[in-house]
């Protein structure tokens, strides 16, 4: 009989203790939360997406709101060169027909940026083109004209490595060659890379010129 009483009493006591432990669980959990050291919870400990705007301090919310307003209210001409990454601005960001001469660096436009047959005479400054700008090819050779009697002429072939039957040829001797001699030239024949130079003495006496330079230019016909 005594054993039965002790068993019942023990069971009742255990039930009371269990009830107290369960009832006190929230309080224990709260105490554990309060016991976490300051700054001990890191990003790694927080579940992704768990932090809501309501969890943020008022000062943080104010800073975010201010930054958002600043991004949405950039004043005209407010973005300067230091704020742009290298190569960040491409053709889609540039308005059509918005670039002017002052936007281009000196010598920044090369042959690859110019459309074929787009540069007209009106766009070329007067007196700026030279023979080399006009000619398809050019070159020079040392030339020693033979002694020529009055009214006599001679011919010479000069290799150019580039002529064709439709080219126009222009030749000019330098100052070392006697001015009494006249020069002209043409392509020597079809499918050749040589020009035929004509040299004539148009004076009434013999001309024996010194050696000099002979310059030639080919114009596409």
C-alpha atoms as a PDB file:
ATOM      1  CA  UNK A   1       0.000   0.000   0.000  1.00  0.00           C
ATOM      2  CA  UNK A   2       2.868   2.345   0.919  1.00  0.00           C
ATOM      3  CA  UNK A   3       4.570   1.591  -2.453  1.00  0.00           C
ATOM      4  CA  UNK A   4       1.435   2.535  -4.312  1.00  0.00           C
ATOM      5  CA  UNK A   5       1.219   5.847  -2.454  1.00  0.00           C
ATOM      6  CA  UNK A   6       4.864   6.635  -3.205  1.00  0.00           C
ATOM      7  CA  UNK A   7       4.409   5.858  -6.932  1.00  0.00           C
ATOM      8  CA  UNK A   8       1.366   8.102  -7.205  1.00  0.00           C
ATOM      9  CA  UNK A   9       3.146  10.905  -5.385  1.00  0.00           C
ATOM     10  CA  UNK A  10       6.232  10.646  -7.620  1.00  0.00           C
ATOM     11  CA  UNK A  11       4.119  10.717 -10.743  1.00  0.00           C
ATOM     12  CA  UNK A  12       2.282  13.786  -9.606  1.00  0.00           C
ATOM     13  CA  UNK A  13       5.500  15.563  -8.765  1.00  0.00           C
ATOM     14  CA  UNK A  14       6.976  14.778 -12.187  1.00  0.00           C
ATOM     15  CA  UNK A  15       3.899  16.095 -13.939  1.00  0.00           C
ATOM     16  CA  UNK A  16       4.093  19.355 -11.982  1.00  0.00           C
ATOM     17  CA  UNK A  17       7.797  19.793 -12.862  1.00  0.00           C
ATOM     18  CA  UNK A  18       7.129  19.059 -16.553  1.00  0.00           C
ATOM     19  CA  UNK A  19       4.287  21.563 -16.600  1.00  0.00           C
ATOM     20  CA  UNK A  20       6.513  24.235 -15.084  1.00  0.00           C
ATOM     21  CA  UNK A  21       9.286  23.551 -17.646  1.00  0.00           C
ATOM     22  CA  UNK A  22       6.895  23.775 -20.605  1.00  0.00           C
ATOM     23  CA  UNK A  23       5.247  26.909 -19.315  1.00  0.00           C
ATOM     24  CA  UNK A  24       8.626  28.506 -18.789  1.00  0.00           C
ATOM     25  CA  UNK A  25      10.034  27.608 -22.265  1.00  0.00           C
ATOM     26  CA  UNK A  26       9.352  31.039 -23.917  1.00  0.00           C
ATOM     27  CA  UNK A  27      10.979  32.800 -21.021  1.00  0.00           C
ATOM     28  CA  UNK A  28      14.038  30.562 -21.280  1.00  0.00           C
ATOM     29  CA  UNK A  29      14.269  31.180 -25.055  1.00  0.00           C
ATOM     30  CA  UNK A  30      13.997  34.916 -24.485  1.00  0.00           C
ATOM     31  CA  UNK A  31      16.783  34.747 -21.953  1.00  0.00           C
ATOM     32  CA  UNK A  32      18.976  32.844 -24.436  1.00  0.00           C
ATOM     33  CA  UNK A  33      18.333  35.497 -27.104  1.00  0.00           C
ATOM     34  CA  UNK A  34      19.210  38.251 -24.660  1.00  0.00           C
ATOM     35  CA  UNK A  35      22.368  36.405 -23.706  1.00  0.00           C
ATOM     36  CA  UNK A  36      23.839  36.580 -27.305  1.00  0.00           C
ATOM     37  CA  UNK A  37      26.856  38.929 -27.172  1.00  0.00           C
ATOM     38  CA  UNK A  38      26.619  42.257 -28.986  1.00  0.00           C
ATOM     39  CA  UNK A  39      27.708  42.114 -32.657  1.00  0.00           C
ATOM     40  CA  UNK A  40      27.965  38.320 -32.499  1.00  0.00           C
ATOM     41  CA  UNK A  41      25.314  37.645 -35.211  1.00  0.00           C
ATOM     42  CA  UNK A  42      26.913  37.876 -38.647  1.00  0.00           C
ATOM     43  CA  UNK A  43      25.512  37.771 -42.193  1.00  0.00           C
ATOM     44  CA  UNK A  44      26.341  34.067 -42.393  1.00  0.00           C
ATOM     45  CA  UNK A  45      24.037  33.400 -39.435  1.00  0.00           C
ATOM     46  CA  UNK A  46      21.023  35.172 -40.987  1.00  0.00           C
ATOM     47  CA  UNK A  47      18.794  33.320 -43.438  1.00  0.00           C
ATOM     48  CA  UNK A  48      18.633  34.912 -46.892  1.00  0.00           C
ATOM     49  CA  UNK A  49      15.622  37.160 -47.263  1.00  0.00           C
ATOM     50  CA  UNK A  50      14.863  37.044 -43.530  1.00  0.00           C
ATOM     51  CA  UNK A  51      15.650  40.700 -42.820  1.00  0.00           C
ATOM     52  CA  UNK A  52      12.701  42.949 -43.662  1.00  0.00           C
ATOM     53  CA  UNK A  53      12.497  46.753 -43.862  1.00  0.00           C
ATOM     54  CA  UNK A  54      10.796  46.753 -40.467  1.00  0.00           C
ATOM     55  CA  UNK A  55      13.930  45.138 -38.972  1.00  0.00           C
ATOM     56  CA  UNK A  56      16.144  48.063 -40.015  1.00  0.00           C
ATOM     57  CA  UNK A  57      17.010  50.929 -37.706  1.00  0.00           C
ATOM     58  CA  UNK A  58      15.441  54.290 -38.464  1.00  0.00           C
ATOM     59  CA  UNK A  59      18.844  55.792 -39.366  1.00  0.00           C
ATOM     60  CA  UNK A  60      19.478  53.056 -41.961  1.00  0.00           C
ATOM     61  CA  UNK A  61      16.038  53.564 -43.517  1.00  0.00           C
ATOM     62  CA  UNK A  62      16.693  57.294 -43.760  1.00  0.00           C
ATOM     63  CA  UNK A  63      20.051  56.751 -45.482  1.00  0.00           C
ATOM     64  CA  UNK A  64      18.547  54.359 -48.040  1.00  0.00           C
ATOM     65  CA  UNK A  65      15.701  56.736 -48.800  1.00  0.00           C
ATOM     66  CA  UNK A  66      18.142  59.595 -49.301  1.00  0.00           C
ATOM     67  CA  UNK A  67      20.311  57.515 -51.678  1.00  0.00           C
ATOM     68  CA  UNK A  68      17.257  56.455 -53.688  1.00  0.00           C
ATOM     69  CA  UNK A  69      16.128  60.053 -54.042  1.00  0.00           C
ATOM     70  CA  UNK A  70      19.613  61.111 -55.161  1.00  0.00           C
ATOM     71  CA  UNK A  71      19.738  58.451 -57.888  1.00  0.00           C
ATOM     72  CA  UNK A  72      16.340  59.493 -59.213  1.00  0.00           C
ATOM     73  CA  UNK A  73      17.162  63.178 -59.220  1.00  0.00           C
ATOM     74  CA  UNK A  74      20.558  63.534 -60.995  1.00  0.00           C
ATOM     75  CA  UNK A  75      20.721  67.132 -62.233  1.00  0.00           C
ATOM     76  CA  UNK A  76      21.474  68.016 -65.851  1.00  0.00           C
ATOM     77  CA  UNK A  77      25.210  67.728 -66.539  1.00  0.00           C
ATOM     78  CA  UNK A  78      25.567  66.041 -63.140  1.00  0.00           C
ATOM     79  CA  UNK A  79      27.469  62.958 -64.386  1.00  0.00           C
ATOM     80  CA  UNK A  80      31.092  63.951 -65.050  1.00  0.00           C
ATOM     81  CA  UNK A  81      33.914  62.000 -66.693  1.00  0.00           C
ATOM     82  CA  UNK A  82      35.406  60.613 -63.421  1.00  0.00           C
ATOM     83  CA  UNK A  83      32.031  58.963 -62.668  1.00  0.00           C
ATOM     84  CA  UNK A  84      32.069  56.941 -65.915  1.00  0.00           C
ATOM     85  CA  UNK A  85      33.975  53.677 -66.234  1.00  0.00           C
ATOM     86  CA  UNK A  86      36.408  53.322 -69.130  1.00  0.00           C
ATOM     87  CA  UNK A  87      34.627  52.156 -72.308  1.00  0.00           C
ATOM     88  CA  UNK A  88      31.249  52.476 -70.537  1.00  0.00           C
ATOM     89  CA  UNK A  89      29.600  54.742 -73.144  1.00  0.00           C
ATOM     90  CA  UNK A  90      28.810  53.015 -76.430  1.00  0.00           C
ATOM     91  CA  UNK A  91      26.989  54.002 -79.599  1.00  0.00           C
ATOM     92  CA  UNK A  92      23.497  53.258 -78.140  1.00  0.00           C
ATOM     93  CA  UNK A  93      24.122  55.866 -75.400  1.00  0.00           C
ATOM     94  CA  UNK A  94      25.031  58.616 -77.900  1.00  0.00           C
ATOM     95  CA  UNK A  95      22.174  60.562 -79.500  1.00  0.00           C
ATOM     96  CA  UNK A  96      22.121  60.538 -83.310  1.00  0.00           C
ATOM     97  CA  UNK A  97      23.791  63.603 -84.862  1.00  0.00           C
ATOM     98  CA  UNK A  98      24.771  64.889 -81.408  1.00  0.00           C
ATOM     99  CA  UNK A  99      28.588  64.797 -81.724  1.00  0.00           C
ATOM    100  CA  UNK A 100      30.279  67.936 -83.041  1.00  0.00           C
ATOM    101  CA  UNK A 101      33.838  68.699 -84.114  1.00  0.00           C
ATOM    102  CA  UNK A 102      34.768  69.762 -80.574  1.00  0.00           C
ATOM    103  CA  UNK A 103      33.791  66.291 -79.274  1.00  0.00           C
ATOM    104  CA  UNK A 104      36.415  64.565 -81.455  1.00  0.00           C
ATOM    105  CA  UNK A 105      40.089  64.373 -80.537  1.00  0.00           C
ATOM    106  CA  UNK A 106      42.638  65.654 -83.040  1.00  0.00           C
ATOM    107  CA  UNK A 107      43.594  62.960 -85.571  1.00  0.00           C
ATOM    108  CA  UNK A 108      40.934  60.608 -84.151  1.00  0.00           C
ATOM    109  CA  UNK A 109      39.134  60.021 -87.475  1.00  0.00           C
ATOM    110  CA  UNK A 110      41.041  57.692 -89.790  1.00  0.00           C
ATOM    111  CA  UNK A 111      40.376  56.165 -93.174  1.00  0.00           C
ATOM    112  CA  UNK A 112      38.404  53.312 -91.592  1.00  0.00           C
ATOM    113  CA  UNK A 113      35.857  55.763 -90.126  1.00  0.00           C
ATOM    114  CA  UNK A 114      35.169  57.552 -93.446  1.00  0.00           C
ATOM    115  CA  UNK A 115      32.582  56.197 -95.891  1.00  0.00           C
ATOM    116  CA  UNK A 116      33.926  55.623 -99.389  1.00  0.00           C
ATOM    117  CA  UNK A 117      33.461  58.577-101.773  1.00  0.00           C
ATOM    118  CA  UNK A 118      32.085  60.728 -98.943  1.00  0.00           C
ATOM    119  CA  UNK A 119      34.800  63.429 -98.915  1.00  0.00           C
ATOM    120  CA  UNK A 120      34.097  66.014-101.586  1.00  0.00           C
ATOM    121  CA  UNK A 121      36.120  68.980-102.826  1.00  0.00           C
ATOM    122  CA  UNK A 122      34.100  71.285-100.580  1.00  0.00           C
ATOM    123  CA  UNK A 123      35.496  69.474 -97.536  1.00  0.00           C
ATOM    124  CA  UNK A 124      39.146  69.835 -98.634  1.00  0.00           C
ATOM    125  CA  UNK A 125      40.993  73.060 -97.826  1.00  0.00           C
ATOM    126  CA  UNK A 126      42.277  74.859-100.914  1.00  0.00           C
ATOM    127  CA  UNK A 127      45.975  74.375-101.568  1.00  0.00           C
ATOM    128  CA  UNK A 128      46.367  71.467 -99.112  1.00  0.00           C
ATOM    129  CA  UNK A 129      46.594  68.526-101.521  1.00  0.00           C
ATOM    130  CA  UNK A 130      49.966  67.480-102.933  1.00  0.00           C
ATOM    131  CA  UNK A 131      50.801  65.248-105.881  1.00  0.00           C
ATOM    132  CA  UNK A 132      51.185  62.311-103.493  1.00  0.00           C
ATOM    133  CA  UNK A 133      47.602  62.890-102.256  1.00  0.00           C
ATOM    134  CA  UNK A 134      46.279  62.722-105.818  1.00  0.00           C
ATOM    135  CA  UNK A 135      48.460  60.010-107.345  1.00  0.00           C
ATOM    136  CA  UNK A 136      47.724  56.312-107.093  1.00  0.00           C
ATOM    137  CA  UNK A 137      51.489  55.655-107.030  1.00  0.00           C
ATOM    138  CA  UNK A 138      54.687  57.661-107.255  1.00  0.00           C
ATOM    139  CA  UNK A 139      58.452  57.247-107.285  1.00  0.00           C
ATOM    140  CA  UNK A 140      61.745  58.581-108.584  1.00  0.00           C
ATOM    141  CA  UNK A 141      64.898  57.370-110.318  1.00  0.00           C
ATOM    142  CA  UNK A 142      68.349  58.759-111.066  1.00  0.00           C
ATOM    143  CA  UNK A 143      68.452  59.746-114.727  1.00  0.00           C
ATOM    144  CA  UNK A 144      71.364  60.797-116.941  1.00  0.00           C
ATOM    145  CA  UNK A 145      70.026  62.088-120.266  1.00  0.00           C
ATOM    146  CA  UNK A 146      72.142  61.389-123.335  1.00  0.00           C
ATOM    147  CA  UNK A 147      73.630  64.254-125.340  1.00  0.00           C
ATOM    148  CA  UNK A 148      70.883  65.420-127.698  1.00  0.00           C
ATOM    149  CA  UNK A 149      71.353  67.495-130.845  1.00  0.00           C
ATOM    150  CA  UNK A 150      69.019  70.297-131.856  1.00  0.00           C
ATOM    151  CA  UNK A 151      65.433  69.021-132.096  1.00  0.00           C
ATOM    152  CA  UNK A 152      66.429  65.444-131.161  1.00  0.00           C
ATOM    153  CA  UNK A 153      64.457  63.191-128.814  1.00  0.00           C
ATOM    154  CA  UNK A 154      65.061  59.951-126.938  1.00  0.00           C
ATOM    155  CA  UNK A 155      62.949  57.498-124.942  1.00  0.00           C
ATOM    156  CA  UNK A 156      63.534  55.489-121.761  1.00  0.00           C
ATOM    157  CA  UNK A 157      61.541  52.793-119.929  1.00  0.00           C
ATOM    158  CA  UNK A 158      61.119  53.196-116.157  1.00  0.00           C
ATOM    159  CA  UNK A 159      59.859  50.416-113.887  1.00  0.00           C
ATOM    160  CA  UNK A 160      57.002  51.388-111.530  1.00  0.00           C
ATOM    161  CA  UNK A 161      55.692  47.978-110.346  1.00  0.00           C
ATOM    162  CA  UNK A 162      52.108  49.241-110.485  1.00  0.00           C
ATOM    163  CA  UNK A 163      50.957  50.777-113.806  1.00  0.00           C
ATOM    164  CA  UNK A 164      47.984  49.752-115.918  1.00  0.00           C
ATOM    165  CA  UNK A 165      46.762  50.754-119.333  1.00  0.00           C
ATOM    166  CA  UNK A 166      44.301  53.348-118.006  1.00  0.00           C
ATOM    167  CA  UNK A 167      46.757  55.355-115.896  1.00  0.00           C
ATOM    168  CA  UNK A 168      47.802  58.910-116.645  1.00  0.00           C
ATOM    169  CA  UNK A 169      51.512  59.549-116.152  1.00  0.00           C
ATOM    170  CA  UNK A 170      53.193  62.759-115.030  1.00  0.00           C
ATOM    171  CA  UNK A 171      56.999  63.153-114.939  1.00  0.00           C
ATOM    172  CA  UNK A 172      59.167  65.998-113.650  1.00  0.00           C
ATOM    173  CA  UNK A 173      63.005  66.314-113.608  1.00  0.00           C
ATOM    174  CA  UNK A 174      64.768  68.021-110.723  1.00  0.00           C
ATOM    175  CA  UNK A 175      66.898  71.163-111.012  1.00  0.00           C
ATOM    176  CA  UNK A 176      70.103  69.234-111.851  1.00  0.00           C
ATOM    177  CA  UNK A 177      68.794  68.273-115.294  1.00  0.00           C
ATOM    178  CA  UNK A 178      69.140  70.938-117.980  1.00  0.00           C
ATOM    179  CA  UNK A 179      66.045  73.107-118.367  1.00  0.00           C
ATOM    180  CA  UNK A 180      66.406  72.965-122.145  1.00  0.00           C
ATOM    181  CA  UNK A 181      65.096  69.399-122.132  1.00  0.00           C
ATOM    182  CA  UNK A 182      61.349  68.669-122.068  1.00  0.00           C
ATOM    183  CA  UNK A 183      59.823  65.522-120.546  1.00  0.00           C
ATOM    184  CA  UNK A 184      56.575  63.622-121.060  1.00  0.00           C
ATOM    185  CA  UNK A 185      55.472  60.040-120.398  1.00  0.00           C
ATOM    186  CA  UNK A 186      52.752  57.445-120.848  1.00  0.00           C
ATOM    187  CA  UNK A 187      52.119  53.796-119.996  1.00  0.00           C
ATOM    188  CA  UNK A 188      54.336  51.812-122.353  1.00  0.00           C
ATOM    189  CA  UNK A 189      51.817  49.058-123.210  1.00  0.00           C
ATOM    190  CA  UNK A 190      48.882  47.059-121.882  1.00  0.00           C
ATOM    191  CA  UNK A 191      49.531  44.767-118.902  1.00  0.00           C
ATOM    192  CA  UNK A 192      52.886  46.329-118.113  1.00  0.00           C
ATOM    193  CA  UNK A 193      54.426  47.943-115.050  1.00  0.00           C
ATOM    194  CA  UNK A 194      56.666  50.290-117.031  1.00  0.00           C
ATOM    195  CA  UNK A 195      56.225  53.854-118.213  1.00  0.00           C
ATOM    196  CA  UNK A 196      57.761  55.230-121.399  1.00  0.00           C
ATOM    197  CA  UNK A 197      59.494  58.582-120.891  1.00  0.00           C
ATOM    198  CA  UNK A 198      60.096  60.941-123.833  1.00  0.00           C
ATOM    199  CA  UNK A 199      62.987  63.421-123.566  1.00  0.00           C
ATOM    200  CA  UNK A 200      63.393  66.105-126.249  1.00  0.00           C
ATOM    201  CA  UNK A 201      65.820  68.921-126.956  1.00  0.00           C
ATOM    202  CA  UNK A 202      63.666  71.730-128.299  1.00  0.00           C
ATOM    203  CA  UNK A 203      66.536  74.198-128.693  1.00  0.00           C
ATOM    204  CA  UNK A 204      68.634  75.005-131.784  1.00  0.00           C
ATOM    205  CA  UNK A 205      71.830  73.559-130.320  1.00  0.00           C
ATOM    206  CA  UNK A 206      73.190  70.393-128.689  1.00  0.00           C
ATOM    207  CA  UNK A 207      72.299  69.814-125.030  1.00  0.00           C
ATOM    208  CA  UNK A 208      74.441  67.523-122.861  1.00  0.00           C
ATOM    209  CA  UNK A 209      72.746  67.555-119.456  1.00  0.00           C
ATOM    210  CA  UNK A 210      74.132  66.435-116.124  1.00  0.00           C
ATOM    211  CA  UNK A 211      72.580  63.513-114.219  1.00  0.00           C
ATOM    212  CA  UNK A 212      69.677  64.299-111.905  1.00  0.00           C
ATOM    213  CA  UNK A 213      66.501  62.975-110.385  1.00  0.00           C
ATOM    214  CA  UNK A 214      63.412  62.105-112.422  1.00  0.00           C
ATOM    215  CA  UNK A 215      60.114  61.954-110.481  1.00  0.00           C
ATOM    216  CA  UNK A 216      56.980  60.220-111.710  1.00  0.00           C
ATOM    217  CA  UNK A 217      53.324  60.026-110.582  1.00  0.00           C
ATOM    218  CA  UNK A 218      50.525  57.758-111.782  1.00  0.00           C
ATOM    219  CA  UNK A 219      46.923  59.025-111.843  1.00  0.00           C
ATOM    220  CA  UNK A 220      44.136  56.482-112.095  1.00  0.00           C
ATOM    221  CA  UNK A 221      42.234  56.904-115.337  1.00  0.00           C
END
